[in-house]
């Protein structure tokens, strides 16, 4: 799919790095939401001031969030990075849900979710 194509494009260009992912798509005809979340970014679906759905942050040991990555494959790099995680799109959380008129989708990074309680966010 889309995420796999994006990863291949980045790898072809030898662009190195990693990132969490929160990808949402909405079918404009059926108002159907599909999401893929990897790591500690995420989303909330709020309806009539009530939390309906929240994606779940994903961590490896401690506070190391799941991430998609493109890393060098040279021997000197790989021999020094045996503890790196290699998360795949299939490791993410996939959610589907029907949307209704008036629903609010909030997409945010851990900067929001780590610093504000869910109830406070919903009240805003």
N, C-alpha and C. Protein backbone atom coordinates (compact mmCIF):
# COMPACT_ATOMS: atom_id res chain seq x y z
N UNK A 1 0.78 -1.18 0.00
CA UNK A 1 0.00 0.00 0.00
C UNK A 1 0.84 1.26 0.00
N UNK A 2 0.21 2.32 0.36
CA UNK A 2 0.80 3.65 0.36
C UNK A 2 2.05 3.73 1.24
N UNK A 3 1.99 3.19 2.43
CA UNK A 3 3.12 3.28 3.36
C UNK A 3 4.32 2.49 2.82
N UNK A 4 4.07 1.30 2.29
CA UNK A 4 5.16 0.50 1.73
C UNK A 4 5.82 1.22 0.55
N UNK A 5 5.02 1.86 -0.29
CA UNK A 5 5.58 2.61 -1.43
C UNK A 5 6.44 3.78 -0.95
N UNK A 6 5.97 4.46 0.08
CA UNK A 6 6.74 5.59 0.62
C UNK A 6 8.07 5.11 1.20
N UNK A 7 8.06 4.00 1.90
CA UNK A 7 9.29 3.45 2.48
C UNK A 7 10.27 3.08 1.37
N UNK A 8 9.80 2.42 0.33
CA UNK A 8 10.67 2.04 -0.79
C UNK A 8 11.27 3.27 -1.46
N UNK A 9 10.48 4.32 -1.62
CA UNK A 9 10.96 5.56 -2.23
C UNK A 9 12.08 6.18 -1.40
N UNK A 10 11.92 6.21 -0.10
CA UNK A 10 12.93 6.76 0.80
C UNK A 10 14.20 5.91 0.75
N UNK A 11 14.04 4.60 0.77
CA UNK A 11 15.20 3.71 0.74
C UNK A 11 15.96 3.82 -0.58
N UNK A 12 15.24 3.95 -1.70
CA UNK A 12 15.89 4.10 -3.01
C UNK A 12 16.79 5.32 -3.05
N UNK A 13 16.38 6.37 -2.37
CA UNK A 13 17.13 7.63 -2.38
C UNK A 13 18.18 7.69 -1.28
N UNK A 14 18.33 6.61 -0.54
CA UNK A 14 19.29 6.54 0.58
C UNK A 14 19.08 7.68 1.57
N UNK A 15 17.83 7.92 1.89
CA UNK A 15 17.48 8.90 2.92
C UNK A 15 17.34 8.12 4.22
N UNK A 16 18.13 8.48 5.23
CA UNK A 16 18.15 7.72 6.46
C UNK A 16 17.46 8.48 7.59
N UNK A 17 16.76 7.75 8.42
CA UNK A 17 16.08 8.34 9.56
C UNK A 17 14.94 7.45 10.01
N UNK A 18 14.16 7.95 10.95
CA UNK A 18 13.01 7.19 11.43
C UNK A 18 11.93 8.16 11.89
N UNK A 19 10.71 7.64 11.96
CA UNK A 19 9.58 8.48 12.37
C UNK A 19 8.41 7.62 12.81
N UNK A 20 7.63 8.18 13.70
CA UNK A 20 6.35 7.57 14.02
C UNK A 20 5.39 7.92 12.88
N UNK A 21 4.23 7.30 12.89
CA UNK A 21 3.27 7.54 11.80
C UNK A 21 1.86 7.52 12.34
N UNK A 22 1.07 8.49 11.94
CA UNK A 22 -0.37 8.47 12.18
C UNK A 22 -1.02 8.87 10.86
N UNK A 23 -1.56 7.89 10.17
CA UNK A 23 -2.12 8.08 8.84
C UNK A 23 -3.62 7.78 8.89
N UNK A 24 -4.42 8.74 8.47
CA UNK A 24 -5.87 8.55 8.43
C UNK A 24 -6.37 8.80 7.02
N UNK A 25 -7.34 8.01 6.61
CA UNK A 25 -8.03 8.27 5.35
C UNK A 25 -9.52 8.17 5.60
N UNK A 26 -10.25 9.02 4.90
CA UNK A 26 -11.71 9.05 5.03
C UNK A 26 -12.31 8.88 3.66
N UNK A 27 -13.20 7.90 3.52
CA UNK A 27 -13.94 7.72 2.28
C UNK A 27 -15.01 8.80 2.23
N UNK A 28 -14.91 9.70 1.25
CA UNK A 28 -15.82 10.85 1.22
C UNK A 28 -17.26 10.46 0.89
N UNK A 29 -17.47 9.28 0.33
CA UNK A 29 -18.83 8.85 0.01
C UNK A 29 -19.51 8.15 1.18
N UNK A 30 -18.76 7.36 1.92
CA UNK A 30 -19.36 6.60 3.02
C UNK A 30 -19.02 7.15 4.40
N UNK A 31 -18.14 8.14 4.48
CA UNK A 31 -17.67 8.70 5.76
C UNK A 31 -17.04 7.62 6.64
N UNK A 32 -16.32 6.72 6.01
CA UNK A 32 -15.67 5.62 6.72
C UNK A 32 -14.20 5.98 6.96
N UNK A 33 -13.77 5.87 8.20
CA UNK A 33 -12.41 6.20 8.61
C UNK A 33 -11.56 4.95 8.66
N UNK A 34 -10.37 5.03 8.11
CA UNK A 34 -9.36 3.98 8.25
C UNK A 34 -8.09 4.66 8.76
N UNK A 35 -7.43 4.02 9.72
CA UNK A 35 -6.22 4.63 10.26
C UNK A 35 -5.14 3.58 10.50
N UNK A 36 -3.91 4.03 10.41
CA UNK A 36 -2.75 3.22 10.77
C UNK A 36 -1.89 4.09 11.67
N UNK A 37 -1.60 3.58 12.85
CA UNK A 37 -0.80 4.32 13.81
C UNK A 37 0.39 3.47 14.23
N UNK A 38 1.57 4.08 14.16
CA UNK A 38 2.80 3.40 14.57
C UNK A 38 3.56 4.33 15.50
N UNK A 39 3.71 3.93 16.74
CA UNK A 39 4.47 4.73 17.69
C UNK A 39 3.61 5.53 18.63
N UNK A 40 4.15 6.69 19.05
CA UNK A 40 3.46 7.46 20.08
C UNK A 40 2.74 8.70 19.57
N UNK A 41 2.69 8.90 18.28
CA UNK A 41 1.75 9.89 17.73
C UNK A 41 0.39 9.19 17.69
N UNK A 42 -0.67 9.91 17.40
CA UNK A 42 -1.95 9.23 17.37
C UNK A 42 -3.10 10.16 17.06
N UNK A 43 -4.29 9.63 17.27
CA UNK A 43 -5.48 10.43 17.00
C UNK A 43 -6.58 10.11 18.00
N UNK A 44 -7.53 11.03 18.07
CA UNK A 44 -8.73 10.86 18.88
C UNK A 44 -9.93 11.20 18.01
N UNK A 45 -10.99 10.42 18.16
CA UNK A 45 -12.27 10.73 17.54
C UNK A 45 -13.20 11.17 18.66
N UNK A 46 -13.65 12.42 18.56
CA UNK A 46 -14.51 13.01 19.58
C UNK A 46 -15.87 13.30 18.95
N UNK A 47 -16.91 12.83 19.62
CA UNK A 47 -18.28 13.02 19.14
C UNK A 47 -19.13 13.56 20.29
N UNK A 48 -19.73 14.70 20.07
CA UNK A 48 -20.59 15.33 21.08
C UNK A 48 -19.90 15.40 22.44
N UNK A 49 -18.65 15.88 22.41
CA UNK A 49 -17.85 16.05 23.63
C UNK A 49 -17.56 14.75 24.37
N UNK A 50 -17.58 13.63 23.66
CA UNK A 50 -17.24 12.33 24.25
C UNK A 50 -16.17 11.67 23.40
N UNK A 51 -15.22 11.05 24.08
CA UNK A 51 -14.17 10.32 23.37
C UNK A 51 -14.75 9.01 22.85
N UNK A 52 -14.71 8.81 21.54
CA UNK A 52 -15.23 7.60 20.92
C UNK A 52 -14.10 6.60 20.69
N UNK A 53 -12.99 7.07 20.13
CA UNK A 53 -11.84 6.21 19.84
C UNK A 53 -10.57 7.01 20.09
N UNK A 54 -9.58 6.33 20.61
CA UNK A 54 -8.23 6.89 20.67
C UNK A 54 -7.26 5.79 20.27
N UNK A 55 -6.35 6.12 19.39
CA UNK A 55 -5.31 5.16 19.05
C UNK A 55 -4.44 4.94 20.28
N UNK A 56 -3.80 3.79 20.32
CA UNK A 56 -2.97 3.44 21.47
C UNK A 56 -1.50 3.63 21.12
N UNK A 57 -0.75 4.33 21.96
CA UNK A 57 0.68 4.48 21.69
C UNK A 57 1.37 3.12 21.81
N UNK A 58 2.38 2.93 21.00
CA UNK A 58 3.11 1.66 20.99
C UNK A 58 4.56 1.92 21.35
N UNK A 59 5.04 1.16 22.32
CA UNK A 59 6.42 1.33 22.79
C UNK A 59 7.13 -0.01 22.86
N UNK A 60 8.43 0.03 22.62
CA UNK A 60 9.30 -1.08 22.98
C UNK A 60 9.66 -0.84 24.44
N UNK A 61 10.56 -1.55 24.97
CA UNK A 61 10.94 -1.38 26.38
C UNK A 61 11.04 0.10 26.75
N UNK A 62 10.47 0.43 27.87
CA UNK A 62 10.56 1.80 28.35
C UNK A 62 9.79 2.77 27.48
N UNK A 63 10.47 3.82 27.06
CA UNK A 63 9.78 4.87 26.30
C UNK A 63 10.30 4.97 24.87
N UNK A 64 10.68 3.85 24.30
CA UNK A 64 11.16 3.83 22.91
C UNK A 64 9.98 3.52 21.99
N UNK A 65 9.43 4.54 21.31
CA UNK A 65 8.23 4.30 20.49
C UNK A 65 8.54 3.49 19.23
N UNK A 66 7.55 2.74 18.79
CA UNK A 66 7.66 2.09 17.49
C UNK A 66 7.93 3.17 16.46
N UNK A 67 8.74 2.85 15.44
CA UNK A 67 9.04 3.80 14.38
C UNK A 67 9.33 3.06 13.09
N UNK A 68 8.96 3.68 12.00
CA UNK A 68 9.39 3.20 10.69
C UNK A 68 10.76 3.82 10.44
N UNK A 69 11.68 3.05 9.88
CA UNK A 69 13.02 3.59 9.70
C UNK A 69 13.65 3.16 8.39
N UNK A 70 14.56 3.99 7.95
CA UNK A 70 15.41 3.70 6.80
C UNK A 70 16.83 3.93 7.28
N UNK A 71 17.60 2.85 7.38
CA UNK A 71 18.92 2.94 7.98
C UNK A 71 19.99 2.43 7.02
N UNK A 72 21.22 2.93 7.15
CA UNK A 72 22.30 2.42 6.30
C UNK A 72 22.50 0.93 6.54
N UNK A 73 22.96 0.23 5.53
CA UNK A 73 23.19 -1.21 5.66
C UNK A 73 24.67 -1.56 5.63
N UNK A 74 25.53 -0.57 5.79
CA UNK A 74 26.96 -0.84 5.78
C UNK A 74 27.35 -1.65 7.01
N UNK A 75 28.40 -2.45 6.88
CA UNK A 75 28.85 -3.31 7.97
C UNK A 75 29.18 -2.51 9.23
N UNK A 76 29.87 -1.38 9.06
CA UNK A 76 30.27 -0.59 10.24
C UNK A 76 29.05 -0.05 10.98
N UNK A 77 27.99 0.28 10.25
CA UNK A 77 26.78 0.79 10.90
C UNK A 77 26.02 -0.35 11.57
N UNK A 78 25.78 -1.43 10.86
CA UNK A 78 24.95 -2.52 11.41
C UNK A 78 25.62 -3.22 12.58
N UNK A 79 26.94 -3.29 12.62
CA UNK A 79 27.61 -3.96 13.74
C UNK A 79 27.49 -3.15 15.03
N UNK A 80 27.23 -1.87 14.92
CA UNK A 80 27.10 -1.01 16.11
C UNK A 80 25.65 -0.73 16.49
N UNK A 81 24.71 -1.33 15.81
CA UNK A 81 23.29 -1.02 16.07
C UNK A 81 22.47 -2.27 16.27
N UNK A 82 23.00 -3.22 16.99
CA UNK A 82 22.27 -4.48 17.16
C UNK A 82 21.01 -4.31 17.99
N UNK A 83 20.90 -3.22 18.74
CA UNK A 83 19.72 -3.04 19.59
C UNK A 83 18.64 -2.18 18.96
N UNK A 84 18.80 -1.79 17.72
CA UNK A 84 17.76 -1.00 17.05
C UNK A 84 16.58 -1.88 16.69
N UNK A 85 15.41 -1.31 16.76
CA UNK A 85 14.20 -2.03 16.37
C UNK A 85 13.91 -1.73 14.90
N UNK A 86 13.37 -2.69 14.22
CA UNK A 86 13.00 -2.51 12.81
C UNK A 86 11.50 -2.75 12.68
N UNK A 87 10.72 -1.76 13.03
CA UNK A 87 9.27 -1.89 12.99
C UNK A 87 8.78 -1.80 11.55
N UNK A 88 7.70 -2.51 11.30
CA UNK A 88 7.10 -2.56 9.96
C UNK A 88 5.69 -1.98 10.03
N UNK A 89 5.13 -1.58 8.89
CA UNK A 89 3.75 -1.09 8.90
C UNK A 89 2.78 -2.10 9.52
N UNK A 90 3.04 -3.38 9.34
CA UNK A 90 2.15 -4.40 9.90
C UNK A 90 2.22 -4.46 11.43
N UNK A 91 3.23 -3.83 12.04
CA UNK A 91 3.33 -3.76 13.50
C UNK A 91 2.40 -2.69 14.08
N UNK A 92 1.88 -1.84 13.23
CA UNK A 92 1.05 -0.73 13.70
C UNK A 92 -0.36 -1.16 14.09
N UNK A 93 -1.08 -0.21 14.64
CA UNK A 93 -2.48 -0.42 15.03
C UNK A 93 -3.37 0.08 13.90
N UNK A 94 -4.23 -0.79 13.41
CA UNK A 94 -5.15 -0.45 12.33
C UNK A 94 -6.55 -0.34 12.91
N UNK A 95 -7.21 0.78 12.65
CA UNK A 95 -8.56 1.02 13.17
C UNK A 95 -9.46 1.44 12.03
N UNK A 96 -10.69 0.93 12.02
CA UNK A 96 -11.73 1.37 11.09
C UNK A 96 -12.94 1.79 11.90
N UNK A 97 -13.61 2.85 11.43
CA UNK A 97 -14.79 3.32 12.16
C UNK A 97 -15.64 4.21 11.26
N UNK A 98 -16.94 4.19 11.48
CA UNK A 98 -17.85 5.10 10.77
C UNK A 98 -17.82 6.48 11.42
N UNK A 99 -17.80 7.49 10.59
CA UNK A 99 -17.85 8.87 11.07
C UNK A 99 -19.26 9.42 10.92
N UNK A 100 -19.57 10.40 11.75
CA UNK A 100 -20.87 11.06 11.69
C UNK A 100 -20.66 12.57 11.54
N UNK A 101 -21.68 13.25 11.07
CA UNK A 101 -21.62 14.71 10.95
C UNK A 101 -21.33 15.30 12.33
N UNK A 102 -20.40 16.22 12.38
CA UNK A 102 -20.04 16.87 13.63
C UNK A 102 -18.90 16.21 14.38
N UNK A 103 -18.44 15.04 13.92
CA UNK A 103 -17.30 14.39 14.57
C UNK A 103 -16.06 15.26 14.44
N UNK A 104 -15.21 15.18 15.45
CA UNK A 104 -13.94 15.89 15.45
C UNK A 104 -12.82 14.87 15.49
N UNK A 105 -11.89 14.97 14.54
CA UNK A 105 -10.70 14.13 14.53
C UNK A 105 -9.52 15.00 14.94
N UNK A 106 -8.82 14.59 15.97
CA UNK A 106 -7.64 15.28 16.44
C UNK A 106 -6.44 14.37 16.21
N UNK A 107 -5.50 14.82 15.40
CA UNK A 107 -4.28 14.07 15.12
C UNK A 107 -3.15 14.83 15.79
N UNK A 108 -2.35 14.14 16.60
CA UNK A 108 -1.31 14.85 17.36
C UNK A 108 -0.12 13.94 17.64
N UNK A 109 0.95 14.57 18.05
CA UNK A 109 2.14 13.84 18.44
C UNK A 109 2.14 13.61 19.95
N UNK A 110 3.17 12.93 20.41
CA UNK A 110 3.29 12.69 21.84
C UNK A 110 3.44 13.99 22.62
N UNK A 111 3.83 15.07 21.95
CA UNK A 111 3.93 16.37 22.62
C UNK A 111 2.61 16.79 23.25
N UNK A 112 1.51 16.45 22.63
CA UNK A 112 0.19 16.75 23.20
C UNK A 112 -0.22 15.66 24.18
N UNK A 113 -0.17 14.41 23.71
CA UNK A 113 -0.70 13.31 24.52
C UNK A 113 0.10 13.05 25.79
N UNK A 114 1.39 13.39 25.81
CA UNK A 114 2.19 13.21 27.03
C UNK A 114 1.96 14.31 28.05
N UNK A 115 1.38 15.42 27.62
CA UNK A 115 1.28 16.59 28.51
C UNK A 115 -0.13 16.98 28.92
N UNK A 116 -1.13 16.44 28.26
CA UNK A 116 -2.52 16.75 28.63
C UNK A 116 -3.31 15.46 28.81
N UNK A 117 -4.15 15.44 29.82
CA UNK A 117 -5.01 14.28 30.05
C UNK A 117 -6.09 14.21 28.97
N UNK A 118 -6.50 12.99 28.67
CA UNK A 118 -7.57 12.77 27.67
C UNK A 118 -8.80 13.61 27.96
N UNK A 119 -9.26 13.57 29.21
CA UNK A 119 -10.48 14.31 29.57
C UNK A 119 -10.34 15.80 29.30
N UNK A 120 -9.17 16.35 29.56
CA UNK A 120 -8.94 17.77 29.32
C UNK A 120 -8.99 18.07 27.83
N UNK A 121 -8.38 17.22 27.02
CA UNK A 121 -8.38 17.42 25.57
C UNK A 121 -9.81 17.39 25.03
N UNK A 122 -10.60 16.45 25.49
CA UNK A 122 -11.99 16.32 25.02
C UNK A 122 -12.79 17.56 25.40
N UNK A 123 -12.55 18.12 26.57
CA UNK A 123 -13.28 19.31 27.02
C UNK A 123 -12.96 20.54 26.18
N UNK A 124 -11.75 20.62 25.66
CA UNK A 124 -11.35 21.78 24.86
C UNK A 124 -12.21 21.81 23.64
